[in-house]
Amino acid sequence: MKFIRLTTMLIHPSSIKYVTIQPNHYTIHFQHHIVSGMMLAGSGIVSSGNDIIHISKEKNLTDFEAMSKWIEQV
């Protein structure tokens, strides 16, 4: 599978959970593969975080165009 090349990073498409598409803005939500938590006497909590990247057409046209191209291919 090809990587998505942005200005400062490469993104493997299989790590993307979903993308929120707005006219001049993309929000990329990634799958979080690390789960943390604690158990005490049979009860506890388990949690995981969300990694998010915002790509704005105004702030970074190059990355916005790269994501637009990838979205058109999907």
PDB file of N, CA and C in Angstrom:
ATOM      1  N   MET A   1       0.837  -1.169   0.000  1.00  0.00           N
ATOM      2  CA  MET A   1       0.000   0.000   0.000  1.00  0.00           C
ATOM      3  C   MET A   1       0.891   1.244   0.000  1.00  0.00           C
ATOM      4  N   LYS A   2       0.540   2.226  -0.759  1.00  0.00           N
ATOM      5  CA  LYS A   2       1.336   3.443  -0.864  1.00  0.00           C
ATOM      6  C   LYS A   2       1.125   4.352   0.346  1.00  0.00           C
ATOM      7  N   PHE A   3       2.166   5.084   0.673  1.00  0.00           N
ATOM      8  CA  PHE A   3       2.082   6.074   1.735  1.00  0.00           C
ATOM      9  C   PHE A   3       1.539   7.385   1.184  1.00  0.00           C
ATOM     10  N   ILE A   4       0.925   8.167   2.046  1.00  0.00           N
ATOM     11  CA  ILE A   4       0.496   9.518   1.701  1.00  0.00           C
ATOM     12  C   ILE A   4       1.621  10.440   2.137  1.00  0.00           C
ATOM     13  N   ARG A   5       2.193  11.174   1.200  1.00  0.00           N
ATOM     14  CA  ARG A   5       3.322  12.042   1.517  1.00  0.00           C
ATOM     15  C   ARG A   5       2.831  13.458   1.805  1.00  0.00           C
ATOM     16  N   LEU A   6       3.063  13.901   3.037  1.00  0.00           N
ATOM     17  CA  LEU A   6       2.775  15.273   3.423  1.00  0.00           C
ATOM     18  C   LEU A   6       4.098  16.002   3.628  1.00  0.00           C
ATOM     19  N   THR A   7       4.041  17.276   3.925  1.00  0.00           N
ATOM     20  CA  THR A   7       5.247  18.086   4.045  1.00  0.00           C
ATOM     21  C   THR A   7       6.224  17.531   5.076  1.00  0.00           C
ATOM     22  N   THR A   8       5.737  17.161   6.241  1.00  0.00           N
ATOM     23  CA  THR A   8       6.626  16.738   7.325  1.00  0.00           C
ATOM     24  C   THR A   8       6.453  15.288   7.743  1.00  0.00           C
ATOM     25  N   MET A   9       5.677  14.503   7.002  1.00  0.00           N
ATOM     26  CA  MET A   9       5.468  13.112   7.408  1.00  0.00           C
ATOM     27  C   MET A   9       4.948  12.257   6.259  1.00  0.00           C
ATOM     28  N   LEU A  10       5.071  10.950   6.449  1.00  0.00           N
ATOM     29  CA  LEU A  10       4.449   9.958   5.577  1.00  0.00           C
ATOM     30  C   LEU A  10       3.376   9.260   6.396  1.00  0.00           C
ATOM     31  N   ILE A  11       2.219   9.047   5.802  1.00  0.00           N
ATOM     32  CA  ILE A  11       1.118   8.391   6.502  1.00  0.00           C
ATOM     33  C   ILE A  11       0.774   7.103   5.779  1.00  0.00           C
ATOM     34  N   HIS A  12       0.723   6.011   6.524  1.00  0.00           N
ATOM     35  CA  HIS A  12       0.283   4.739   5.953  1.00  0.00           C
ATOM     36  C   HIS A  12      -1.246   4.719   6.016  1.00  0.00           C
ATOM     37  N   PRO A  13      -1.913   4.565   4.878  1.00  0.00           N
ATOM     38  CA  PRO A  13      -3.381   4.638   4.851  1.00  0.00           C
ATOM     39  C   PRO A  13      -4.085   3.658   5.790  1.00  0.00           C
ATOM     40  N   SER A  14      -3.472   2.520   6.092  1.00  0.00           N
ATOM     41  CA  SER A  14      -4.135   1.558   6.971  1.00  0.00           C
ATOM     42  C   SER A  14      -4.224   2.057   8.415  1.00  0.00           C
ATOM     43  N   SER A  15      -3.469   3.094   8.762  1.00  0.00           N
ATOM     44  CA  SER A  15      -3.539   3.638  10.121  1.00  0.00           C
ATOM     45  C   SER A  15      -4.632   4.694  10.270  1.00  0.00           C
ATOM     46  N   ILE A  16      -5.286   5.056   9.167  1.00  0.00           N
ATOM     47  CA  ILE A  16      -6.342   6.070   9.214  1.00  0.00           C
ATOM     48  C   ILE A  16      -7.668   5.415   9.590  1.00  0.00           C
ATOM     49  N   LYS A  17      -8.307   5.948  10.621  1.00  0.00           N
ATOM     50  CA  LYS A  17      -9.619   5.456  11.037  1.00  0.00           C
ATOM     51  C   LYS A  17     -10.706   6.091  10.173  1.00  0.00           C
ATOM     52  N   TYR A  18     -10.690   7.422  10.063  1.00  0.00           N
ATOM     53  CA  TYR A  18     -11.595   8.121   9.155  1.00  0.00           C
ATOM     54  C   TYR A  18     -11.094   9.542   8.930  1.00  0.00           C
ATOM     55  N   VAL A  19     -11.607  10.174   7.877  1.00  0.00           N
ATOM     56  CA  VAL A  19     -11.250  11.547   7.528  1.00  0.00           C
ATOM     57  C   VAL A  19     -12.535  12.366   7.463  1.00  0.00           C
ATOM     58  N   THR A  20     -12.553  13.471   8.185  1.00  0.00           N
ATOM     59  CA  THR A  20     -13.665  14.411   8.110  1.00  0.00           C
ATOM     60  C   THR A  20     -13.344  15.403   7.003  1.00  0.00           C
ATOM     61  N   ILE A  21     -14.245  15.493   6.020  1.00  0.00           N
ATOM     62  CA  ILE A  21     -14.002  16.328   4.841  1.00  0.00           C
ATOM     63  C   ILE A  21     -14.883  17.568   4.909  1.00  0.00           C
ATOM     64  N   GLN A  22     -14.234  18.717   4.888  1.00  0.00           N
ATOM     65  CA  GLN A  22     -14.913  20.006   4.802  1.00  0.00           C
ATOM     66  C   GLN A  22     -14.340  20.730   3.595  1.00  0.00           C
ATOM     67  N   PRO A  23     -15.009  21.744   3.070  1.00  0.00           N
ATOM     68  CA  PRO A  23     -14.546  22.385   1.833  1.00  0.00           C
ATOM     69  C   PRO A  23     -13.084  22.835   1.842  1.00  0.00           C
ATOM     70  N   ASN A  24     -12.602  23.410   2.928  1.00  0.00           N
ATOM     71  CA  ASN A  24     -11.228  23.912   2.980  1.00  0.00           C
ATOM     72  C   ASN A  24     -10.423  23.319   4.121  1.00  0.00           C
ATOM     73  N   HIS A  25     -10.866  22.152   4.623  1.00  0.00           N
ATOM     74  CA  HIS A  25     -10.204  21.583   5.795  1.00  0.00           C
ATOM     75  C   HIS A  25     -10.443  20.069   5.855  1.00  0.00           C
ATOM     76  N   TYR A  26      -9.393  19.322   6.159  1.00  0.00           N
ATOM     77  CA  TYR A  26      -9.508  17.885   6.415  1.00  0.00           C
ATOM     78  C   TYR A  26      -9.058  17.619   7.838  1.00  0.00           C
ATOM     79  N   THR A  27      -9.744  16.713   8.509  1.00  0.00           N
ATOM     80  CA  THR A  27      -9.325  16.248   9.821  1.00  0.00           C
ATOM     81  C   THR A  27      -9.121  14.743   9.710  1.00  0.00           C
ATOM     82  N   ILE A  28      -7.882  14.296   9.933  1.00  0.00           N
ATOM     83  CA  ILE A  28      -7.546  12.877   9.834  1.00  0.00           C
ATOM     84  C   ILE A  28      -7.532  12.292  11.240  1.00  0.00           C
ATOM     85  N   HIS A  29      -8.329  11.258  11.453  1.00  0.00           N
ATOM     86  CA  HIS A  29      -8.391  10.565  12.736  1.00  0.00           C
ATOM     87  C   HIS A  29      -7.700   9.213  12.556  1.00  0.00           C
ATOM     88  N   PHE A  30      -6.737   8.936  13.408  1.00  0.00           N
ATOM     89  CA  PHE A  30      -5.958   7.708  13.302  1.00  0.00           C
ATOM     90  C   PHE A  30      -6.436   6.663  14.291  1.00  0.00           C
ATOM     91  N   GLN A  31      -6.233   5.389  13.930  1.00  0.00           N
ATOM     92  CA  GLN A  31      -6.495   4.294  14.844  1.00  0.00           C
ATOM     93  C   GLN A  31      -5.418   4.325  15.915  1.00  0.00           C
ATOM     94  N   HIS A  32      -5.818   4.143  17.136  1.00  0.00           N
ATOM     95  CA  HIS A  32      -4.861   4.161  18.237  1.00  0.00           C
ATOM     96  C   HIS A  32      -4.593   2.715  18.638  1.00  0.00           C
ATOM     97  N   HIS A  33      -3.353   2.303  18.558  1.00  0.00           N
ATOM     98  CA  HIS A  33      -3.006   0.904  18.797  1.00  0.00           C
ATOM     99  C   HIS A  33      -2.477   0.652  20.202  1.00  0.00           C
ATOM    100  N   ILE A  34      -2.466   1.665  21.038  1.00  0.00           N
ATOM    101  CA  ILE A  34      -1.970   1.498  22.402  1.00  0.00           C
ATOM    102  C   ILE A  34      -3.143   1.671  23.360  1.00  0.00           C
ATOM    103  N   VAL A  35      -3.333   0.679  24.204  1.00  0.00           N
ATOM    104  CA  VAL A  35      -4.394   0.726  25.195  1.00  0.00           C
ATOM    105  C   VAL A  35      -3.731   0.722  26.561  1.00  0.00           C
ATOM    106  N   SER A  36      -4.185   1.576  27.444  1.00  0.00           N
ATOM    107  CA  SER A  36      -3.627   1.603  28.790  1.00  0.00           C
ATOM    108  C   SER A  36      -4.760   1.487  29.792  1.00  0.00           C
ATOM    109  N   GLY A  37      -4.409   1.106  30.981  1.00  0.00           N
ATOM    110  CA  GLY A  37      -5.431   0.990  32.004  1.00  0.00           C
ATOM    111  C   GLY A  37      -4.872   0.440  33.286  1.00  0.00           C
ATOM    112  N   MET A  38      -5.761   0.205  34.229  1.00  0.00           N
ATOM    113  CA  MET A  38      -5.338  -0.322  35.519  1.00  0.00           C
ATOM    114  C   MET A  38      -6.449  -1.192  36.071  1.00  0.00           C
ATOM    115  N   MET A  39      -6.055  -2.241  36.728  1.00  0.00           N
ATOM    116  CA  MET A  39      -7.016  -3.143  37.357  1.00  0.00           C
ATOM    117  C   MET A  39      -6.680  -3.240  38.842  1.00  0.00           C
ATOM    118  N   LEU A  40      -7.703  -3.217  39.652  1.00  0.00           N
ATOM    119  CA  LEU A  40      -7.522  -3.336  41.094  1.00  0.00           C
ATOM    120  C   LEU A  40      -8.706  -4.102  41.662  1.00  0.00           C
ATOM    121  N   ALA A  41      -8.426  -5.240  42.210  1.00  0.00           N
ATOM    122  CA  ALA A  41      -9.447  -6.067  42.857  1.00  0.00           C
ATOM    123  C   ALA A  41     -10.635  -6.356  41.937  1.00  0.00           C
ATOM    124  N   GLY A  42     -10.350  -6.682  40.693  1.00  0.00           N
ATOM    125  CA  GLY A  42     -11.401  -7.085  39.771  1.00  0.00           C
ATOM    126  C   GLY A  42     -12.119  -5.952  39.064  1.00  0.00           C
ATOM    127  N   SER A  43     -11.742  -4.725  39.341  1.00  0.00           N
ATOM    128  CA  SER A  43     -12.352  -3.612  38.619  1.00  0.00           C
ATOM    129  C   SER A  43     -11.260  -2.623  38.215  1.00  0.00           C
ATOM    130  N   GLY A  44     -11.566  -1.760  37.278  1.00  0.00           N
ATOM    131  CA  GLY A  44     -10.562  -0.805  36.824  1.00  0.00           C
ATOM    132  C   GLY A  44     -11.038  -0.068  35.594  1.00  0.00           C
ATOM    133  N   ILE A  45     -10.087   0.537  34.894  1.00  0.00           N
ATOM    134  CA  ILE A  45     -10.416   1.296  33.697  1.00  0.00           C
ATOM    135  C   ILE A  45      -9.457   0.936  32.570  1.00  0.00           C
ATOM    136  N   VAL A  46      -9.940   1.067  31.367  1.00  0.00           N
ATOM    137  CA  VAL A  46      -9.120   0.872  30.176  1.00  0.00           C
ATOM    138  C   VAL A  46      -9.404   2.061  29.268  1.00  0.00           C
ATOM    139  N   SER A  47      -8.342   2.646  28.709  1.00  0.00           N
ATOM    140  CA  SER A  47      -8.547   3.796  27.833  1.00  0.00           C
ATOM    141  C   SER A  47      -7.542   3.791  26.699  1.00  0.00           C
ATOM    142  N   SER A  48      -7.860   4.522  25.667  1.00  0.00           N
ATOM    143  CA  SER A  48      -6.939   4.727  24.556  1.00  0.00           C
ATOM    144  C   SER A  48      -7.138   6.156  24.067  1.00  0.00           C
ATOM    145  N   GLY A  49      -6.138   6.693  23.424  1.00  0.00           N
ATOM    146  CA  GLY A  49      -6.225   8.070  22.952  1.00  0.00           C
ATOM    147  C   GLY A  49      -6.506   8.130  21.472  1.00  0.00           C
ATOM    148  N   ASN A  50      -6.741   9.323  20.992  1.00  0.00           N
ATOM    149  CA  ASN A  50      -6.972   9.537  19.568  1.00  0.00           C
ATOM    150  C   ASN A  50      -5.914  10.484  19.032  1.00  0.00           C
ATOM    151  N   ASP A  51      -5.280  10.101  17.955  1.00  0.00           N
ATOM    152  CA  ASP A  51      -4.341  10.981  17.277  1.00  0.00           C
ATOM    153  C   ASP A  51      -5.080  11.632  16.120  1.00  0.00           C
ATOM    154  N   ILE A  52      -4.962  12.937  16.014  1.00  0.00           N
ATOM    155  CA  ILE A  52      -5.687  13.710  15.006  1.00  0.00           C
ATOM    156  C   ILE A  52      -4.733  14.685  14.336  1.00  0.00           C
ATOM    157  N   ILE A  53      -4.874  14.831  13.016  1.00  0.00           N
ATOM    158  CA  ILE A  53      -4.129  15.835  12.264  1.00  0.00           C
ATOM    159  C   ILE A  53      -5.139  16.704  11.523  1.00  0.00           C
ATOM    160  N   HIS A  54      -4.946  18.010  11.599  1.00  0.00           N
ATOM    161  CA  HIS A  54      -5.779  18.968  10.877  1.00  0.00           C
ATOM    162  C   HIS A  54      -4.985  19.498   9.691  1.00  0.00           C
ATOM    163  N   ILE A  55      -5.599  19.484   8.513  1.00  0.00           N
ATOM    164  CA  ILE A  55      -4.956  20.020   7.308  1.00  0.00           C
ATOM    165  C   ILE A  55      -5.875  21.090   6.727  1.00  0.00           C
ATOM    166  N   SER A  56      -5.381  22.310   6.714  1.00  0.00           N
ATOM    167  CA  SER A  56      -6.155  23.454   6.243  1.00  0.00           C
ATOM    168  C   SER A  56      -5.623  23.932   4.895  1.00  0.00           C
ATOM    169  N   LYS A  57      -6.529  24.244   4.004  1.00  0.00           N
ATOM    170  CA  LYS A  57      -6.135  24.761   2.692  1.00  0.00           C
ATOM    171  C   LYS A  57      -5.418  26.101   2.830  1.00  0.00           C
ATOM    172  N   GLU A  58      -5.842  26.922   3.770  1.00  0.00           N
ATOM    173  CA  GLU A  58      -5.231  28.234   3.987  1.00  0.00           C
ATOM    174  C   GLU A  58      -3.816  28.131   4.542  1.00  0.00           C
ATOM    175  N   LYS A  59      -3.602  27.218   5.489  1.00  0.00           N
ATOM    176  CA  LYS A  59      -2.314  27.135   6.182  1.00  0.00           C
ATOM    177  C   LYS A  59      -1.282  26.296   5.446  1.00  0.00           C
ATOM    178  N   ASN A  60      -1.728  25.249   4.731  1.00  0.00           N
ATOM    179  CA  ASN A  60      -0.774  24.382   4.048  1.00  0.00           C
ATOM    180  C   ASN A  60      -1.402  23.811   2.778  1.00  0.00           C
ATOM    181  N   LEU A  61      -1.309  24.563   1.717  1.00  0.00           N
ATOM    182  CA  LEU A  61      -1.918  24.183   0.443  1.00  0.00           C
ATOM    183  C   LEU A  61      -1.324  22.890  -0.107  1.00  0.00           C
ATOM    184  N   THR A  62      -0.020  22.681   0.059  1.00  0.00           N
ATOM    185  CA  THR A  62       0.644  21.480  -0.458  1.00  0.00           C
ATOM    186  C   THR A  62       0.059  20.214   0.164  1.00  0.00           C
ATOM    187  N   ASP A  63      -0.074  20.191   1.495  1.00  0.00           N
ATOM    188  CA  ASP A  63      -0.637  19.025   2.171  1.00  0.00           C
ATOM    189  C   ASP A  63      -2.118  18.856   1.841  1.00  0.00           C
ATOM    190  N   PHE A  64      -2.842  19.953   1.726  1.00  0.00           N
ATOM    191  CA  PHE A  64      -4.263  19.888   1.383  1.00  0.00           C
ATOM    192  C   PHE A  64      -4.449  19.257   0.005  1.00  0.00           C
ATOM    193  N   GLU A  65      -3.617  19.644  -0.947  1.00  0.00           N
ATOM    194  CA  GLU A  65      -3.701  19.075  -2.297  1.00  0.00           C
ATOM    195  C   GLU A  65      -3.310  17.603  -2.306  1.00  0.00           C
ATOM    196  N   ALA A  66      -2.315  17.211  -1.505  1.00  0.00           N
ATOM    197  CA  ALA A  66      -1.918  15.803  -1.423  1.00  0.00           C
ATOM    198  C   ALA A  66      -3.054  14.953  -0.864  1.00  0.00           C
ATOM    199  N   MET A  67      -3.731  15.439   0.177  1.00  0.00           N
ATOM    200  CA  MET A  67      -4.860  14.696   0.743  1.00  0.00           C
ATOM    201  C   MET A  67      -6.034  14.669  -0.228  1.00  0.00           C
ATOM    202  N   SER A  68      -6.269  15.766  -0.927  1.00  0.00           N
ATOM    203  CA  SER A  68      -7.356  15.805  -1.915  1.00  0.00           C
ATOM    204  C   SER A  68      -7.127  14.761  -3.002  1.00  0.00           C
ATOM    205  N   LYS A  69      -5.901  14.647  -3.456  1.00  0.00           N
ATOM    206  CA  LYS A  69      -5.552  13.664  -4.481  1.00  0.00           C
ATOM    207  C   LYS A  69      -5.786  12.249  -3.967  1.00  0.00           C
ATOM    208  N   TRP A  70      -5.371  11.976  -2.727  1.00  0.00           N
ATOM    209  CA  TRP A  70      -5.559  10.648  -2.146  1.00  0.00           C
ATOM    210  C   TRP A  70      -7.051  10.347  -1.991  1.00  0.00           C
ATOM    211  N   ILE A  71      -7.838  11.321  -1.520  1.00  0.00           N
ATOM    212  CA  ILE A  71      -9.278  11.119  -1.325  1.00  0.00           C
ATOM    213  C   ILE A  71      -9.973  10.827  -2.652  1.00  0.00           C
ATOM    214  N   GLU A  72      -9.568  11.488  -3.715  1.00  0.00           N
ATOM    215  CA  GLU A  72     -10.163  11.243  -5.034  1.00  0.00           C
ATOM    216  C   GLU A  72      -9.893   9.822  -5.524  1.00  0.00           C
ATOM    217  N   GLN A  73      -8.777   9.225  -5.115  1.00  0.00           N
ATOM    218  CA  GLN A  73      -8.420   7.871  -5.546  1.00  0.00           C
ATOM    219  C   GLN A  73      -9.150   6.797  -4.758  1.00  0.00           C
ATOM    220  N   VAL A  74      -9.687   7.151  -3.599  1.00  0.00           N
ATOM    221  CA  VAL A  74     -10.336   6.156  -2.731  1.00  0.00           C
ATOM    222  C   VAL A  74     -11.698   5.806  -3.276  1.00  0.00           C
TER     223      VAL A  74
END
